[in-house]
Protein backbone atom coordinates (compact mmCIF):
# COMPACT_ATOMS: atom_id res chain seq x y z
CA MET A 1 -46.29 32.99 115.44
CA LYS A 2 -44.73 35.82 115.49
CA ARG A 3 -41.35 35.41 113.26
CA PRO A 4 -38.11 38.19 113.65
CA ARG A 5 -37.06 39.69 110.89
CA VAL A 6 -32.91 38.99 110.49
CA MET A 7 -31.53 41.29 107.67
CA ILE A 8 -28.62 39.62 106.41
CA LEU A 9 -26.55 42.18 105.55
CA HIS A 10 -24.46 41.50 101.80
CA ALA A 11 -21.51 43.24 100.89
CA PRO A 12 -19.44 43.12 97.73
CA GLY A 13 -17.67 39.93 97.11
CA THR A 14 -19.81 38.55 100.14
CA ASN A 15 -21.07 34.50 99.03
CA ARG A 16 -22.67 32.98 102.10
CA ASP A 17 -25.88 35.24 102.06
CA ARG A 18 -28.25 33.00 100.97
CA ASP A 19 -26.44 29.86 103.33
CA ALA A 20 -27.28 32.09 106.23
CA ALA A 21 -30.73 32.78 104.73
CA VAL A 22 -32.11 29.13 105.27
CA ALA A 23 -30.68 28.89 108.40
CA CYS A 24 -32.48 31.97 110.11
CA GLU A 25 -35.94 30.42 108.39
CA LEU A 26 -35.29 27.23 109.81
CA ALA A 27 -34.52 28.41 112.82
CA GLY A 28 -37.81 30.54 112.64
CA GLY A 29 -36.32 33.92 112.04
CA GLU A 30 -37.75 35.78 108.32
CA PRO A 31 -35.07 36.69 106.71
CA SER A 32 -33.91 39.13 104.38
CA ILE A 33 -30.48 39.99 102.54
CA VAL A 34 -29.90 43.07 101.93
CA HIS A 35 -27.44 44.78 99.75
CA ILE A 36 -25.07 47.11 101.67
CA ASN A 37 -25.70 50.09 99.42
CA ARG A 38 -29.43 49.84 100.21
CA VAL A 39 -28.97 50.88 103.62
CA ILE A 40 -25.79 53.44 102.71
CA ALA A 41 -28.53 55.39 100.28
CA GLY A 42 -31.45 55.23 103.84
CA ALA A 43 -33.65 52.88 101.66
CA ASP A 44 -33.39 49.99 104.71
CA HIS A 45 -32.32 50.80 108.23
CA PHE A 46 -30.95 48.04 110.86
CA ALA A 47 -33.63 49.84 113.01
CA ASN A 48 -35.89 47.55 110.92
CA TYR A 49 -34.95 44.42 111.75
CA GLN A 50 -34.47 42.35 114.86
CA MET A 51 -30.96 39.83 114.52
CA LEU A 52 -28.58 41.39 112.47
CA VAL A 53 -26.30 39.09 110.34
CA LEU A 54 -22.70 39.19 108.43
CA PRO A 55 -22.16 36.71 106.43
CA GLY A 56 -19.21 35.21 105.03
CA GLY A 57 -17.27 35.57 101.56
CA PHE A 58 -14.63 38.01 100.27
CA SER A 59 -16.49 41.05 101.45
CA TYR A 60 -14.75 43.94 98.96
CA GLY A 61 -12.43 41.44 97.66
CA ASP A 62 -10.39 41.31 101.20
CA ASP A 63 -8.46 44.52 100.01
CA LEU A 64 -6.35 46.01 102.71
CA GLY A 65 -6.58 42.80 104.50
CA ALA A 66 -9.91 40.42 105.46
CA GLY A 67 -12.89 42.34 106.57
CA ARG A 68 -11.02 45.49 106.46
CA LEU A 69 -13.01 47.63 104.54
CA TRP A 70 -16.60 46.22 105.75
CA ALA A 71 -15.27 47.39 108.77
CA SER A 72 -14.40 51.02 107.72
CA ASP A 73 -18.42 50.83 106.78
CA LEU A 74 -19.53 49.93 109.89
CA THR A 75 -17.51 52.79 112.01
CA ILE A 76 -17.91 55.69 109.07
CA ARG A 77 -21.36 54.91 107.55
CA PHE A 78 -23.35 52.59 109.89
CA ARG A 79 -21.65 53.67 113.76
CA ASP A 80 -25.25 55.26 114.86
CA GLU A 81 -27.11 52.85 113.94
CA MET A 82 -24.21 49.85 114.84
CA ASP A 83 -24.39 51.20 118.06
CA ARG A 84 -27.64 51.89 118.78
CA PHE A 85 -28.41 48.49 117.57
CA VAL A 86 -26.01 46.74 119.94
CA ALA A 87 -26.81 49.11 122.84
CA GLU A 88 -30.31 47.69 122.56
CA GLY A 89 -29.09 44.29 122.37
CA LYS A 90 -30.43 42.90 119.91
CA PRO A 91 -28.54 39.44 118.57
CA VAL A 92 -25.79 40.14 115.82
CA LEU A 93 -24.12 37.22 114.23
CA GLY A 94 -21.03 37.27 112.43
CA ILE A 95 -19.36 34.59 110.74
CA CYS A 96 -16.59 34.08 108.81
CA ASN A 97 -15.40 36.97 107.00
CA GLY A 98 -18.28 38.45 108.95
CA PHE A 99 -16.67 38.08 112.22
CA GLN A 100 -13.69 39.77 110.95
CA ALA A 101 -15.45 42.88 110.33
CA LEU A 102 -16.69 42.67 113.63
CA VAL A 103 -13.14 42.62 114.94
CA LYS A 104 -12.02 45.50 112.97
CA ALA A 105 -14.33 47.72 113.51
CA GLY A 106 -14.03 47.19 117.14
CA TYR A 107 -17.25 45.60 118.63
CA LEU A 108 -16.27 41.99 118.97
CA PRO A 109 -14.87 41.41 121.98
CA GLY A 110 -15.62 45.35 122.52
CA PRO A 111 -16.38 47.93 122.87
CA ALA A 112 -16.34 49.67 119.47
CA PRO A 113 -14.42 51.58 117.98
CA GLU A 114 -11.59 50.44 119.38
CA GLN A 115 -9.89 46.95 118.06
CA ARG A 116 -9.05 45.39 121.13
CA VAL A 117 -7.64 42.12 119.47
CA THR A 118 -7.34 40.50 115.62
CA LEU A 119 -7.90 37.68 112.89
CA THR A 120 -4.53 37.60 111.17
CA PHE A 121 -2.99 34.36 108.80
CA ASN A 122 -3.34 31.12 109.61
CA ARG A 123 -0.40 30.05 110.98
CA ARG A 124 0.36 27.88 108.21
CA GLY A 125 0.20 30.14 106.11
CA HIS A 126 -2.75 28.71 103.80
CA PHE A 127 -6.11 28.55 103.47
CA GLU A 128 -7.89 25.66 105.84
CA CYS A 129 -11.51 23.86 104.46
CA ARG A 130 -11.70 21.37 106.59
CA TRP A 131 -14.38 20.17 109.07
CA VAL A 132 -14.16 21.40 112.67
CA ARG A 133 -15.52 20.29 116.33
CA LEU A 134 -17.01 22.80 118.15
CA ARG A 135 -17.56 23.37 121.96
CA ALA A 136 -19.73 26.36 123.66
CA VAL A 137 -17.74 27.63 126.98
CA GLY A 138 -20.12 27.26 130.28
CA ASN A 139 -19.31 30.77 131.21
CA SER A 140 -19.69 32.77 128.89
CA ARG A 141 -22.22 35.45 127.90
CA CYS A 142 -23.22 34.75 124.72
CA LEU A 143 -26.54 34.62 124.47
CA PHE A 144 -26.17 32.15 120.65
CA THR A 145 -24.51 29.50 122.92
CA LYS A 146 -27.14 29.78 125.38
CA ASP A 147 -27.91 25.65 126.95
CA LEU A 148 -26.14 24.63 124.41
CA LYS A 149 -24.51 21.06 125.09
CA GLU A 150 -23.82 19.24 121.90
CA ASP A 151 -20.70 19.55 120.08
CA ILE A 152 -21.42 21.38 116.68
CA LEU A 153 -20.17 20.09 113.78
CA CYS A 154 -19.06 22.21 110.28
CA PRO A 155 -16.50 23.32 107.85
CA VAL A 156 -14.05 26.25 107.84
CA ALA A 157 -12.66 28.21 104.75
CA HIS A 158 -10.49 30.28 105.21
CA GLY A 159 -7.22 31.80 105.12
CA GLU A 160 -6.83 34.69 107.62
CA GLY A 161 -8.72 32.88 110.92
CA ARG A 162 -6.52 33.33 113.96
CA LEU A 163 -7.30 34.93 116.60
CA ALA A 164 -4.58 36.60 118.21
CA VAL A 165 -4.22 39.02 121.14
CA PRO A 166 -1.69 41.84 121.70
CA ASP A 167 -0.66 40.67 125.05
CA GLU A 168 -0.98 38.58 128.28
CA PRO A 169 -3.60 40.49 129.83
CA THR A 170 -6.25 40.68 126.76
CA ARG A 171 -6.37 36.98 126.38
CA ARG A 172 -6.62 36.58 130.28
CA ASP A 173 -9.52 39.13 129.73
CA LEU A 174 -11.35 37.10 127.42
CA TRP A 175 -11.75 34.35 129.69
CA HIS A 176 -13.02 35.83 133.25
CA GLN A 177 -15.10 38.09 131.43
CA GLY A 178 -16.81 35.05 129.75
CA LEU A 179 -16.33 36.76 126.23
CA VAL A 180 -15.16 33.44 125.22
CA ALA A 181 -17.74 31.85 123.36
CA LEU A 182 -16.45 28.67 121.39
CA ARG A 183 -13.24 26.90 121.25
CA TYR A 184 -11.98 23.84 118.42
CA VAL A 185 -11.52 20.65 119.95
CA GLN A 186 -10.50 17.36 119.27
CA PRO A 187 -12.70 15.74 117.01
CA ILE A 188 -12.54 12.18 118.36
CA HIS A 189 -12.38 11.16 121.74
CA ALA A 190 -12.44 14.97 123.02
CA VAL A 191 -11.84 15.17 126.62
CA ASP A 192 -15.23 16.56 128.18
CA VAL A 193 -14.23 19.27 131.15
CA ASP A 194 -16.34 21.27 133.51
CA ARG A 195 -18.10 23.20 131.46
CA ALA A 196 -18.94 26.04 133.93
CA SER A 197 -15.26 26.13 134.43
CA ARG A 198 -13.59 29.71 133.58
CA ASP A 199 -9.29 28.10 133.86
CA VAL A 200 -8.33 27.83 130.01
CA ALA A 201 -6.12 24.91 132.22
CA VAL A 202 -8.27 22.55 132.15
CA TRP A 203 -9.18 22.30 128.68
CA PRO A 204 -7.19 19.67 126.85
CA GLU A 205 -5.16 21.45 123.35
CA ALA A 206 -6.91 20.79 120.18
CA GLY A 207 -4.19 21.28 117.88
CA TYR A 208 -3.31 21.02 114.78
CA PRO A 209 -5.91 20.22 112.23
CA ALA A 210 -8.42 20.53 114.73
CA ASN A 211 -7.58 24.11 115.48
CA PRO A 212 -6.86 25.07 111.66
CA ASN A 213 -5.52 28.28 112.24
CA GLY A 214 -3.84 28.27 115.23
CA SER A 215 -5.80 30.70 117.05
CA VAL A 216 -4.64 31.89 120.70
CA ASP A 217 -6.53 28.94 123.24
CA ASP A 218 -8.40 27.29 120.44
CA ILE A 219 -10.71 30.17 120.61
CA ALA A 220 -13.30 29.93 117.65
CA GLY A 221 -16.12 32.14 118.29
CA ILE A 222 -16.09 35.47 120.97
CA CYS A 223 -19.05 38.01 122.44
CA ASN A 224 -19.20 40.66 123.58
CA LEU A 225 -19.79 41.98 127.24
CA GLY A 226 -23.95 41.72 126.55
CA GLY A 227 -23.31 38.46 125.10
CA ASN A 228 -25.47 39.56 122.05
CA VAL A 229 -23.00 40.02 119.75
CA LEU A 230 -20.62 37.19 118.43
CA GLY A 231 -18.35 36.23 116.01
CA LEU A 232 -16.62 32.56 114.62
CA MET A 233 -14.71 31.72 111.78
CA PRO A 234 -16.53 28.45 111.02
CA HIS A 235 -19.24 28.09 109.53
CA PRO A 236 -22.39 26.83 111.13
CA GLU A 237 -24.92 27.39 108.39
CA ASN A 238 -23.42 24.60 106.70
CA HIS A 239 -24.70 22.43 108.63
CA ILE A 240 -28.46 22.42 109.09
CA TRP A 241 -30.16 19.65 107.95
CA PRO A 242 -28.16 15.84 109.08
CA HIS A 243 -27.14 14.92 105.37
CA GLN A 244 -25.33 17.99 105.47
CA HIS A 245 -22.67 15.61 107.88
CA PRO A 246 -19.51 14.37 105.61
CA ARG A 247 -20.60 11.05 106.84
CA TRP A 248 -23.98 10.77 107.14
CA SER A 249 -23.95 8.53 104.51
CA ARG A 250 -21.92 5.97 106.88
CA GLY A 251 -24.54 6.56 109.72
CA ALA A 252 -23.01 9.15 111.09
CA TYR A 253 -25.07 12.35 112.92
CA GLY A 254 -25.82 15.25 115.45
CA GLY A 255 -23.41 17.95 115.70
CA LEU A 256 -25.86 20.81 113.40
CA GLY A 257 -25.04 23.93 113.42
CA LEU A 258 -28.59 25.41 113.42
CA ALA A 259 -28.85 25.51 117.54
CA LEU A 260 -27.04 28.64 117.42
CA PHE A 261 -29.52 30.90 114.85
CA ARG A 262 -32.28 29.41 117.00
CA ASN A 263 -31.14 30.90 119.91
CA GLY A 264 -30.39 34.41 118.08
CA VAL A 265 -34.18 33.90 116.48
CA ARG A 266 -35.29 33.09 119.92
CA ALA A 267 -33.81 36.15 121.39
CA ALA A 268 -34.43 38.43 118.34
CA LEU A 269 -38.49 37.68 119.51
CA ASP A 270 -38.11 39.98 122.61
CA PHE A 271 -37.64 42.99 120.43
CA VAL A 272 -40.25 41.93 117.61
């Protein structure tokens, strides 16, 4: 059975690389944690892989802002390789700090290098660490959320995760162009909506703490126009086995984040 190669790009300060690697392996991929210095030195290349994951953590200590220096690596050191990887349609997943880097490098929502949105300080002004419920948006272009019927339950752990837009036209574009992939929803008795709907008005507001950071329209994850680049603040790699559910010992189950990785690995098979 073919197993696509997955690059887990490690920058100084990232700390969820092994979690992401385990999730990719369980999903059927062949992950390798690659230190960014190897790519800078030319000892490894993006082209050697069929999928790319930018994991969570605090790259470069979040100096100059969360993900900002890592984004500079992507746009200055690796611009040609990243542009080619994305343009070919290979799946790219940015989680938490990786999401911040992709946003600030302009790959989300794209096109790079223009930064159209940002991820900034949580509305309540402090670090948030709690479990949230995510729901796939039906009209999204995102290949990672394709055919995702079950809500995902997973933790967040961030201080700068609030998705903010500069103006109303940008907000509307995210929805009308199918760039909103995942949304925070209320954890209990979440109201079902038409999954194919393009109208944000039909979604009930999650509110705090279901939306832990105050992101516009409760948006938890966005993709690019090609649908092959996804970024999200929550950590689906931390709920890939049933026993990781916070109420597992009481019989609760479901909501695994593994589905996102399986979809990514499945798409990566086209490039093996």
